[in-house]
Amino acid sequence: MRKALLFTTGIMTLVSISATGCVKHDRYDTARTTTHSLQEQLVSAQTDCNTATNALAARERQLAQAEANLNALQGQYDLLANELDSIDAENNQLLTTVTDIKFGPLPIATQQKLAALAATYPDDMWFNAETGMIRFGSDFTFSSGRAILKKGATDLISRVATILNSQEANNFEILVVGHTDNIQPKSSAQRYPTNWELSTARATSVAKTLTANGIDPSRFEIAGYGEFRPLVENRPDGTKENRRVEIYLRPMADSNAWDTPSTTTTTETVTVDTMEEPMK
C-alpha cells in the first residue's frame, strides 16, 4: 500500500513537472513571436523614418531651390524696378521739357533747338516759343553806334541760321527788327541821323549774316523801330535792355495774319563803319 502511494505520488510529480515545462515553452514561443513582430515593426519604422528623412531632404532641396529662384526673381524685379525708375525719370524729364515749351507757331523740334541754343547764351540770347521770337542783346551783337556784327555774335547767328534753315523750319518767314534806347547817335550821326537808321541797319546786318549762311533772302522782312518800342523805361545813362535785335518767325501761309506792328520804316544797306562812340 505504501509502495502504491509512493508510485502515485511520483507519477503526479512527473506530470506536474511536465506541465510546468509546457507552460514555459509556450511563453517562450509567445515572447519569441512578439520579439519577431517588434523587430519587423522596428524595421518598418526604420524604413518609414528613412523614407521620411529622404522626403525631408528632398523638401529641403526644393525649399533651397525655391529660395534661390525667389532670390533670382527678386534680383530681376529689382533690376526691372530700377529700369522703370529710370524710364519714369526720363519720362518726367521729357514731360518737363515739353511742358516748359509753350506751344506756339513753331514746330516742337525747332522750339527745342532754339531753346537749347538760348540756354547756352543766357545773357545774350532769349527765345519765346509762344510768339516764335528770338532776341539778341545789341551790346553782345554790336559795338556802340555801329551795325557791324561782333565775332561772337556772328558765330551765334550762324548757329541760328542752321536751325532756321532746317527742314521743319524752312517754311517760315523771318522778320528781323532792330531796337535802340533813347540816346541818339553822336559820333555816327552822319551815317545814322536817328535811331531809326541805326536800328534798321542792325536788323539788316543780322539778316545778311543769316542769308550768308544759306537762308533764302526771299524769306526776310526787315524793320527798325528805333527807341519807340522799349521793353523797360529808358534811363538817362542808357538802357541795355532796350538795345536789341529781334527775329520773329511766322508761317508763310499766315503772313497776312501776323500780329506785329507795321514795318513801314526806313531801311538801309550796311557798310563798314569805323566810327566808335560810348555805349548807347
C-alpha atoms as a PDB file:
ATOM      1  CA  MET A   1       0.000   0.000   0.000  1.00  0.00           C
ATOM      2  CA  ARG A   2       2.808   2.292   0.862  1.00  0.00           C
ATOM      3  CA  LYS A   3       4.569   1.440  -2.369  1.00  0.00           C
ATOM      4  CA  ALA A   4       1.445   2.223  -4.338  1.00  0.00           C
ATOM      5  CA  LEU A   5       1.167   5.602  -2.638  1.00  0.00           C
ATOM      6  CA  LEU A   6       4.779   6.446  -3.410  1.00  0.00           C
ATOM      7  CA  PHE A   7       4.286   5.430  -7.034  1.00  0.00           C
ATOM      8  CA  THR A   8       1.212   7.574  -7.369  1.00  0.00           C
ATOM      9  CA  THR A   9       2.981  10.495  -5.807  1.00  0.00           C
ATOM     10  CA  GLY A  10       5.888  10.091  -8.210  1.00  0.00           C
ATOM     11  CA  ILE A  11       3.605   9.992 -11.203  1.00  0.00           C
ATOM     12  CA  MET A  12       1.852  13.126 -10.109  1.00  0.00           C
ATOM     13  CA  THR A  13       5.158  14.883  -9.602  1.00  0.00           C
ATOM     14  CA  LEU A  14       6.299  13.959 -13.114  1.00  0.00           C
ATOM     15  CA  VAL A  15       3.012  15.184 -14.554  1.00  0.00           C
ATOM     16  CA  SER A  16       3.383  18.396 -12.623  1.00  0.00           C
ATOM     17  CA  ILE A  17       6.940  18.870 -13.867  1.00  0.00           C
ATOM     18  CA  SER A  18       5.903  18.041 -17.406  1.00  0.00           C
ATOM     19  CA  ALA A  19       3.029  20.546 -17.271  1.00  0.00           C
ATOM     20  CA  THR A  20       5.293  23.238 -15.903  1.00  0.00           C
ATOM     21  CA  GLY A  21       7.752  22.664 -18.793  1.00  0.00           C
ATOM     22  CA  CYS A  22       4.998  23.034 -21.374  1.00  0.00           C
ATOM     23  CA  VAL A  23       3.858  26.345 -19.912  1.00  0.00           C
ATOM     24  CA  LYS A  24       7.353  27.778 -20.041  1.00  0.00           C
ATOM     25  CA  HIS A  25       7.775  26.683 -23.670  1.00  0.00           C
ATOM     26  CA  ASP A  26       4.523  28.373 -24.698  1.00  0.00           C
ATOM     27  CA  ARG A  27       5.604  31.609 -23.030  1.00  0.00           C
ATOM     28  CA  TYR A  28       8.927  31.369 -24.820  1.00  0.00           C
ATOM     29  CA  ASP A  29       7.231  30.918 -28.175  1.00  0.00           C
ATOM     30  CA  THR A  30       4.911  33.810 -27.460  1.00  0.00           C
ATOM     31  CA  ALA A  31       7.788  36.043 -26.435  1.00  0.00           C
ATOM     32  CA  ARG A  32       9.758  34.975 -29.478  1.00  0.00           C
ATOM     33  CA  THR A  33       6.809  35.723 -31.743  1.00  0.00           C
ATOM     34  CA  THR A  34       6.319  39.072 -30.068  1.00  0.00           C
ATOM     35  CA  THR A  35      10.009  39.878 -30.425  1.00  0.00           C
ATOM     36  CA  HIS A  36       9.955  38.932 -34.071  1.00  0.00           C
ATOM     37  CA  SER A  37       6.913  41.116 -34.601  1.00  0.00           C
ATOM     38  CA  LEU A  38       8.571  44.002 -32.794  1.00  0.00           C
ATOM     39  CA  GLN A  39      11.657  43.528 -34.947  1.00  0.00           C
ATOM     40  CA  GLU A  40       9.516  43.698 -38.065  1.00  0.00           C
ATOM     41  CA  GLN A  41       7.811  46.807 -36.732  1.00  0.00           C
ATOM     42  CA  LEU A  42      11.189  48.305 -35.907  1.00  0.00           C
ATOM     43  CA  VAL A  43      12.452  47.581 -39.432  1.00  0.00           C
ATOM     44  CA  SER A  44       9.257  49.043 -40.870  1.00  0.00           C
ATOM     45  CA  ALA A  45       9.559  52.086 -38.627  1.00  0.00           C
ATOM     46  CA  GLN A  46      13.201  52.468 -39.611  1.00  0.00           C
ATOM     47  CA  THR A  47      12.209  52.256 -43.271  1.00  0.00           C
ATOM     48  CA  ASP A  48       9.493  54.825 -42.712  1.00  0.00           C
ATOM     49  CA  CYS A  49      11.997  57.007 -40.894  1.00  0.00           C
ATOM     50  CA  ASN A  50      14.485  56.726 -43.745  1.00  0.00           C
ATOM     51  CA  THR A  51      11.720  57.476 -46.241  1.00  0.00           C
ATOM     52  CA  ALA A  52      10.638  60.490 -44.220  1.00  0.00           C
ATOM     53  CA  THR A  53      14.251  61.626 -43.868  1.00  0.00           C
ATOM     54  CA  ASN A  54      14.767  61.333 -47.622  1.00  0.00           C
ATOM     55  CA  ALA A  55      11.492  63.137 -48.248  1.00  0.00           C
ATOM     56  CA  LEU A  56      12.548  65.881 -45.805  1.00  0.00           C
ATOM     57  CA  ALA A  57      15.908  66.187 -47.533  1.00  0.00           C
ATOM     58  CA  ALA A  58      14.127  66.405 -50.881  1.00  0.00           C
ATOM     59  CA  ARG A  59      11.799  69.064 -49.495  1.00  0.00           C
ATOM     60  CA  GLU A  60      14.786  70.949 -48.094  1.00  0.00           C
ATOM     61  CA  ARG A  61      16.419  70.818 -51.527  1.00  0.00           C
ATOM     62  CA  GLN A  62      13.163  72.005 -53.083  1.00  0.00           C
ATOM     63  CA  LEU A  63      12.967  74.769 -50.496  1.00  0.00           C
ATOM     64  CA  ALA A  64      16.563  75.779 -51.179  1.00  0.00           C
ATOM     65  CA  GLN A  65      15.840  75.799 -54.922  1.00  0.00           C
ATOM     66  CA  ALA A  66      12.678  77.787 -54.342  1.00  0.00           C
ATOM     67  CA  GLU A  67      14.645  80.305 -52.255  1.00  0.00           C
ATOM     68  CA  ALA A  68      17.269  80.521 -54.996  1.00  0.00           C
ATOM     69  CA  ASN A  69      14.533  81.062 -57.568  1.00  0.00           C
ATOM     70  CA  LEU A  70      12.944  83.659 -55.311  1.00  0.00           C
ATOM     71  CA  ASN A  71      16.263  85.474 -54.935  1.00  0.00           C
ATOM     72  CA  ALA A  72      16.759  85.368 -58.688  1.00  0.00           C
ATOM     73  CA  LEU A  73      13.254  86.712 -59.257  1.00  0.00           C
ATOM     74  CA  GLN A  74      13.870  89.389 -56.635  1.00  0.00           C
ATOM     75  CA  GLY A  75      17.041  90.364 -58.466  1.00  0.00           C
ATOM     76  CA  GLN A  76      15.151  90.562 -61.756  1.00  0.00           C
ATOM     77  CA  TYR A  77      12.400  92.552 -60.046  1.00  0.00           C
ATOM     78  CA  ASP A  78      14.939  94.979 -58.581  1.00  0.00           C
ATOM     79  CA  LEU A  79      16.582  95.345 -61.993  1.00  0.00           C
ATOM     80  CA  LEU A  80      13.236  95.972 -63.678  1.00  0.00           C
ATOM     81  CA  ALA A  81      12.255  98.365 -60.892  1.00  0.00           C
ATOM     82  CA  ASN A  82      15.463 100.325 -61.453  1.00  0.00           C
ATOM     83  CA  GLU A  83      14.816 100.364 -65.191  1.00  0.00           C
ATOM     84  CA  LEU A  84      11.248 101.527 -64.582  1.00  0.00           C
ATOM     85  CA  ASP A  85      12.517 104.246 -62.254  1.00  0.00           C
ATOM     86  CA  SER A  86      14.989 105.321 -64.926  1.00  0.00           C
ATOM     87  CA  ILE A  87      12.295 105.315 -67.603  1.00  0.00           C
ATOM     88  CA  ASP A  88       9.970 107.183 -65.266  1.00  0.00           C
ATOM     89  CA  ALA A  89      12.666 109.792 -64.632  1.00  0.00           C
ATOM     90  CA  GLU A  90      13.268 110.148 -68.371  1.00  0.00           C
ATOM     91  CA  ASN A  91       9.526 110.468 -68.956  1.00  0.00           C
ATOM     92  CA  ASN A  92       9.284 113.093 -66.242  1.00  0.00           C
ATOM     93  CA  GLN A  93      12.215 114.962 -67.765  1.00  0.00           C
ATOM     94  CA  LEU A  94      10.602 114.746 -71.184  1.00  0.00           C
ATOM     95  CA  LEU A  95       7.286 115.881 -69.738  1.00  0.00           C
ATOM     96  CA  THR A  96       9.022 118.790 -68.038  1.00  0.00           C
ATOM     97  CA  THR A  97      10.782 119.699 -71.264  1.00  0.00           C
ATOM     98  CA  VAL A  98       7.571 119.538 -73.258  1.00  0.00           C
ATOM     99  CA  THR A  99       5.625 121.379 -70.565  1.00  0.00           C
ATOM    100  CA  ASP A 100       8.212 124.139 -70.435  1.00  0.00           C
ATOM    101  CA  ILE A 101       7.734 124.727 -74.147  1.00  0.00           C
ATOM    102  CA  LYS A 102       4.677 126.847 -74.746  1.00  0.00           C
ATOM    103  CA  PHE A 103       3.206 125.586 -77.954  1.00  0.00           C
ATOM    104  CA  GLY A 104       3.500 128.454 -80.390  1.00  0.00           C
ATOM    105  CA  PRO A 105       3.725 128.815 -84.146  1.00  0.00           C
ATOM    106  CA  LEU A 106       6.937 126.796 -84.482  1.00  0.00           C
ATOM    107  CA  PRO A 107       7.383 123.015 -84.753  1.00  0.00           C
ATOM    108  CA  ILE A 108       8.368 121.365 -81.487  1.00  0.00           C
ATOM    109  CA  ALA A 109      11.759 120.297 -82.877  1.00  0.00           C
ATOM    110  CA  THR A 110      12.556 123.898 -83.837  1.00  0.00           C
ATOM    111  CA  GLN A 111      11.422 125.184 -80.443  1.00  0.00           C
ATOM    112  CA  GLN A 112      13.615 122.656 -78.646  1.00  0.00           C
ATOM    113  CA  LYS A 113      16.689 123.529 -80.736  1.00  0.00           C
ATOM    114  CA  LEU A 114      16.255 127.264 -80.254  1.00  0.00           C
ATOM    115  CA  ALA A 115      15.559 126.869 -76.542  1.00  0.00           C
ATOM    116  CA  ALA A 116      18.677 124.717 -76.136  1.00  0.00           C
ATOM    117  CA  LEU A 117      20.792 127.245 -78.042  1.00  0.00           C
ATOM    118  CA  ALA A 118      19.421 130.148 -75.979  1.00  0.00           C
ATOM    119  CA  ALA A 119      20.284 128.218 -72.815  1.00  0.00           C
ATOM    120  CA  THR A 120      23.961 128.269 -73.852  1.00  0.00           C
ATOM    121  CA  TYR A 121      23.840 132.074 -74.212  1.00  0.00           C
ATOM    122  CA  PRO A 122      21.729 133.014 -71.159  1.00  0.00           C
ATOM    123  CA  ASP A 123      22.864 136.654 -71.106  1.00  0.00           C
ATOM    124  CA  ASP A 124      22.831 137.350 -74.834  1.00  0.00           C
ATOM    125  CA  MET A 125      20.044 135.347 -76.499  1.00  0.00           C
ATOM    126  CA  TRP A 126      16.429 134.773 -75.481  1.00  0.00           C
ATOM    127  CA  PHE A 127      13.745 132.636 -77.107  1.00  0.00           C
ATOM    128  CA  ASN A 128       9.997 132.913 -76.646  1.00  0.00           C
ATOM    129  CA  ALA A 129       8.267 129.813 -78.025  1.00  0.00           C
ATOM    130  CA  GLU A 130       4.797 131.270 -77.544  1.00  0.00           C
ATOM    131  CA  THR A 131       5.441 134.099 -80.014  1.00  0.00           C
ATOM    132  CA  GLY A 132       8.180 132.459 -82.059  1.00  0.00           C
ATOM    133  CA  MET A 133      10.608 135.254 -81.174  1.00  0.00           C
ATOM    134  CA  ILE A 134      14.401 135.204 -80.900  1.00  0.00           C
ATOM    135  CA  ARG A 135      16.079 138.171 -79.205  1.00  0.00           C
ATOM    136  CA  PHE A 136      19.743 139.234 -79.198  1.00  0.00           C
ATOM    137  CA  GLY A 137      21.175 141.891 -76.913  1.00  0.00           C
ATOM    138  CA  SER A 138      22.699 144.653 -79.054  1.00  0.00           C
ATOM    139  CA  ASP A 139      25.624 145.077 -76.651  1.00  0.00           C
ATOM    140  CA  PHE A 140      26.576 141.480 -77.474  1.00  0.00           C
ATOM    141  CA  THR A 141      25.944 141.765 -81.213  1.00  0.00           C
ATOM    142  CA  PHE A 142      27.222 145.291 -81.978  1.00  0.00           C
ATOM    143  CA  SER A 143      29.688 147.868 -80.749  1.00  0.00           C
ATOM    144  CA  SER A 144      28.284 151.231 -79.699  1.00  0.00           C
ATOM    145  CA  GLY A 145      26.870 153.215 -82.608  1.00  0.00           C
ATOM    146  CA  ARG A 146      27.787 150.539 -85.138  1.00  0.00           C
ATOM    147  CA  ALA A 147      25.911 147.995 -87.242  1.00  0.00           C
ATOM    148  CA  ILE A 148      28.727 145.519 -87.921  1.00  0.00           C
ATOM    149  CA  LEU A 149      28.294 142.244 -86.035  1.00  0.00           C
ATOM    150  CA  LYS A 150      30.912 141.246 -83.499  1.00  0.00           C
ATOM    151  CA  LYS A 151      32.716 137.937 -83.987  1.00  0.00           C
ATOM    152  CA  GLY A 152      30.910 136.135 -81.160  1.00  0.00           C
ATOM    153  CA  ALA A 153      27.547 137.327 -82.412  1.00  0.00           C
ATOM    154  CA  THR A 154      28.375 136.168 -85.945  1.00  0.00           C
ATOM    155  CA  ASP A 155      29.086 132.679 -84.646  1.00  0.00           C
ATOM    156  CA  LEU A 156      25.813 132.598 -82.672  1.00  0.00           C
ATOM    157  CA  ILE A 157      23.684 133.873 -85.554  1.00  0.00           C
ATOM    158  CA  SER A 158      25.316 131.287 -87.830  1.00  0.00           C
ATOM    159  CA  ARG A 159      24.076 128.599 -85.457  1.00  0.00           C
ATOM    160  CA  VAL A 160      20.616 130.161 -85.510  1.00  0.00           C
ATOM    161  CA  ALA A 161      20.733 130.074 -89.319  1.00  0.00           C
ATOM    162  CA  THR A 162      21.370 126.327 -89.240  1.00  0.00           C
ATOM    163  CA  ILE A 163      18.179 125.853 -87.197  1.00  0.00           C
ATOM    164  CA  LEU A 164      16.082 128.206 -89.308  1.00  0.00           C
ATOM    165  CA  ASN A 165      17.281 126.502 -92.474  1.00  0.00           C
ATOM    166  CA  SER A 166      16.298 123.028 -91.228  1.00  0.00           C
ATOM    167  CA  GLN A 167      13.551 121.088 -92.971  1.00  0.00           C
ATOM    168  CA  GLU A 168      10.945 121.714 -90.274  1.00  0.00           C
ATOM    169  CA  ALA A 169      11.587 125.490 -90.170  1.00  0.00           C
ATOM    170  CA  ASN A 170      12.289 126.455 -93.777  1.00  0.00           C
ATOM    171  CA  ASN A 171       8.641 127.309 -94.496  1.00  0.00           C
ATOM    172  CA  PHE A 172       8.644 130.215 -92.038  1.00  0.00           C
ATOM    173  CA  GLU A 173       9.103 133.846 -92.974  1.00  0.00           C
ATOM    174  CA  ILE A 174      11.697 135.766 -90.965  1.00  0.00           C
ATOM    175  CA  LEU A 175      11.013 139.267 -89.682  1.00  0.00           C
ATOM    176  CA  VAL A 176      14.145 140.955 -88.307  1.00  0.00           C
ATOM    177  CA  VAL A 177      13.512 144.023 -86.137  1.00  0.00           C
ATOM    178  CA  GLY A 178      16.082 146.405 -84.642  1.00  0.00           C
ATOM    179  CA  HIS A 179      15.585 148.475 -81.473  1.00  0.00           C
ATOM    180  CA  THR A 180      17.648 151.039 -79.551  1.00  0.00           C
ATOM    181  CA  ASP A 181      17.334 153.019 -76.345  1.00  0.00           C
ATOM    182  CA  ASN A 182      16.530 156.745 -76.492  1.00  0.00           C
ATOM    183  CA  ILE A 183      20.089 158.061 -76.648  1.00  0.00           C
ATOM    184  CA  GLN A 184      20.639 159.477 -80.132  1.00  0.00           C
ATOM    185  CA  PRO A 185      23.692 158.683 -82.284  1.00  0.00           C
ATOM    186  CA  LYS A 186      26.535 161.188 -81.830  1.00  0.00           C
ATOM    187  CA  SER A 187      29.847 160.325 -83.477  1.00  0.00           C
ATOM    188  CA  SER A 188      27.983 158.145 -86.003  1.00  0.00           C
ATOM    189  CA  ALA A 189      25.210 160.703 -86.529  1.00  0.00           C
ATOM    190  CA  GLN A 190      26.317 161.431 -90.093  1.00  0.00           C
ATOM    191  CA  ARG A 191      25.762 157.801 -91.070  1.00  0.00           C
ATOM    192  CA  TYR A 192      22.806 157.204 -88.736  1.00  0.00           C
ATOM    193  CA  PRO A 193      20.988 160.532 -88.191  1.00  0.00           C
ATOM    194  CA  THR A 194      18.425 158.866 -85.889  1.00  0.00           C
ATOM    195  CA  ASN A 195      17.937 155.613 -84.080  1.00  0.00           C
ATOM    196  CA  TRP A 196      15.602 154.527 -86.876  1.00  0.00           C
ATOM    197  CA  GLU A 197      18.513 154.302 -89.266  1.00  0.00           C
ATOM    198  CA  LEU A 198      20.754 152.621 -86.691  1.00  0.00           C
ATOM    199  CA  SER A 199      18.174 150.046 -85.619  1.00  0.00           C
ATOM    200  CA  THR A 200      17.273 149.259 -89.240  1.00  0.00           C
ATOM    201  CA  ALA A 201      20.934 148.905 -90.215  1.00  0.00           C
ATOM    202  CA  ARG A 202      21.484 146.466 -87.370  1.00  0.00           C
ATOM    203  CA  ALA A 203      18.470 144.400 -88.395  1.00  0.00           C
ATOM    204  CA  THR A 204      19.794 144.371 -91.965  1.00  0.00           C
ATOM    205  CA  SER A 205      23.207 143.219 -90.751  1.00  0.00           C
ATOM    206  CA  VAL A 206      21.618 140.280 -88.895  1.00  0.00           C
ATOM    207  CA  ALA A 207      19.560 139.367 -91.965  1.00  0.00           C
ATOM    208  CA  LYS A 208      22.653 139.481 -94.190  1.00  0.00           C
ATOM    209  CA  THR A 209      24.513 137.150 -91.851  1.00  0.00           C
ATOM    210  CA  LEU A 210      21.592 134.721 -91.927  1.00  0.00           C
ATOM    211  CA  THR A 211      21.458 134.776 -95.730  1.00  0.00           C
ATOM    212  CA  ALA A 212      25.235 134.306 -95.878  1.00  0.00           C
ATOM    213  CA  ASN A 213      24.619 131.045 -94.020  1.00  0.00           C
ATOM    214  CA  GLY A 214      22.250 129.713 -96.648  1.00  0.00           C
ATOM    215  CA  ILE A 215      18.808 131.115 -95.794  1.00  0.00           C
ATOM    216  CA  ASP A 216      16.769 132.237 -98.808  1.00  0.00           C
ATOM    217  CA  PRO A 217      16.667 136.086 -98.887  1.00  0.00           C
ATOM    218  CA  SER A 218      13.035 135.969-100.031  1.00  0.00           C
ATOM    219  CA  ARG A 219      12.042 134.814 -96.562  1.00  0.00           C
ATOM    220  CA  PHE A 220      13.105 138.109 -94.918  1.00  0.00           C
ATOM    221  CA  GLU A 221      11.373 141.283 -93.861  1.00  0.00           C
ATOM    222  CA  ILE A 222      13.423 143.958 -92.097  1.00  0.00           C
ATOM    223  CA  ALA A 223      12.354 146.784 -89.810  1.00  0.00           C
ATOM    224  CA  GLY A 224      13.835 149.335 -87.426  1.00  0.00           C
ATOM    225  CA  TYR A 225      11.785 150.776 -84.577  1.00  0.00           C
ATOM    226  CA  GLY A 226      14.492 152.933 -83.048  1.00  0.00           C
ATOM    227  CA  GLU A 227      13.714 153.844 -79.432  1.00  0.00           C
ATOM    228  CA  PHE A 228       9.942 153.689 -79.826  1.00  0.00           C
ATOM    229  CA  ARG A 229       9.283 150.127 -78.658  1.00  0.00           C
ATOM    230  CA  PRO A 230      11.197 149.929 -75.326  1.00  0.00           C
ATOM    231  CA  LEU A 231      10.997 146.892 -73.093  1.00  0.00           C
ATOM    232  CA  VAL A 232      11.632 148.948 -69.964  1.00  0.00           C
ATOM    233  CA  GLU A 233      11.693 152.640 -69.172  1.00  0.00           C
ATOM    234  CA  ASN A 234      14.796 154.288 -70.555  1.00  0.00           C
ATOM    235  CA  ARG A 235      17.412 155.532 -68.086  1.00  0.00           C
ATOM    236  CA  PRO A 236      19.432 158.737 -68.547  1.00  0.00           C
ATOM    237  CA  ASP A 237      22.749 156.869 -68.826  1.00  0.00           C
ATOM    238  CA  GLY A 238      21.479 154.339 -71.399  1.00  0.00           C
ATOM    239  CA  THR A 239      19.331 151.209 -71.181  1.00  0.00           C
ATOM    240  CA  LYS A 240      20.850 147.981 -72.483  1.00  0.00           C
ATOM    241  CA  GLU A 241      17.567 146.067 -72.166  1.00  0.00           C
ATOM    242  CA  ASN A 242      16.119 148.226 -74.960  1.00  0.00           C
ATOM    243  CA  ARG A 243      19.136 147.834 -77.258  1.00  0.00           C
ATOM    244  CA  ARG A 244      18.273 144.636 -79.064  1.00  0.00           C
ATOM    245  CA  VAL A 245      17.558 142.850 -82.335  1.00  0.00           C
ATOM    246  CA  GLU A 246      14.557 140.537 -82.534  1.00  0.00           C
ATOM    247  CA  ILE A 247      13.672 137.807 -85.021  1.00  0.00           C
ATOM    248  CA  TYR A 248      10.050 136.767 -85.451  1.00  0.00           C
ATOM    249  CA  LEU A 249       9.132 133.583 -87.312  1.00  0.00           C
ATOM    250  CA  ARG A 250       5.734 133.273 -88.969  1.00  0.00           C
ATOM    251  CA  PRO A 251       4.271 130.606 -91.246  1.00  0.00           C
ATOM    252  CA  MET A 252       4.292 131.812 -94.815  1.00  0.00           C
ATOM    253  CA  ALA A 253       0.635 130.860 -95.320  1.00  0.00           C
ATOM    254  CA  ASP A 254      -0.362 133.058 -92.363  1.00  0.00           C
ATOM    255  CA  SER A 255       1.746 136.091 -93.236  1.00  0.00           C
ATOM    256  CA  ASN A 256      -1.286 138.358 -93.662  1.00  0.00           C
ATOM    257  CA  ALA A 257      -2.457 137.482 -90.158  1.00  0.00           C
ATOM    258  CA  TRP A 258       0.872 138.150 -88.425  1.00  0.00           C
ATOM    259  CA  ASP A 259       0.204 140.189 -85.342  1.00  0.00           C
ATOM    260  CA  THR A 260       3.153 142.597 -85.335  1.00  0.00           C
ATOM    261  CA  PRO A 261       3.309 146.347 -85.758  1.00  0.00           C
ATOM    262  CA  SER A 262       3.540 147.869 -89.216  1.00  0.00           C
ATOM    263  CA  THR A 263       7.003 147.588 -90.748  1.00  0.00           C
ATOM    264  CA  THR A 264       6.885 150.712 -92.933  1.00  0.00           C
ATOM    265  CA  THR A 265      10.168 152.000 -91.576  1.00  0.00           C
ATOM    266  CA  THR A 266      13.348 153.172 -93.180  1.00  0.00           C
ATOM    267  CA  THR A 267      15.808 150.508 -94.347  1.00  0.00           C
ATOM    268  CA  GLU A 268      19.433 150.996 -95.246  1.00  0.00           C
ATOM    269  CA  THR A 269      22.230 148.876 -96.661  1.00  0.00           C
ATOM    270  CA  VAL A 270      25.011 148.370 -94.125  1.00  0.00           C
ATOM    271  CA  THR A 271      28.589 149.312 -94.984  1.00  0.00           C
ATOM    272  CA  VAL A 272      31.779 149.068 -92.943  1.00  0.00           C
ATOM    273  CA  ASP A 273      31.686 151.603 -90.148  1.00  0.00           C
ATOM    274  CA  THR A 274      34.835 152.611 -88.294  1.00  0.00           C
ATOM    275  CA  MET A 275      33.332 155.265 -86.011  1.00  0.00           C
ATOM    276  CA  GLU A 276      33.031 154.492 -82.300  1.00  0.00           C
ATOM    277  CA  GLU A 277      31.071 156.237 -79.572  1.00  0.00           C
ATOM    278  CA  PRO A 278      30.032 155.443 -75.963  1.00  0.00           C
ATOM    279  CA  MET A 279      27.575 152.572 -75.494  1.00  0.00           C
ATOM    280  CA  LYS A 280      24.008 153.656 -76.129  1.00  0.00           C
END
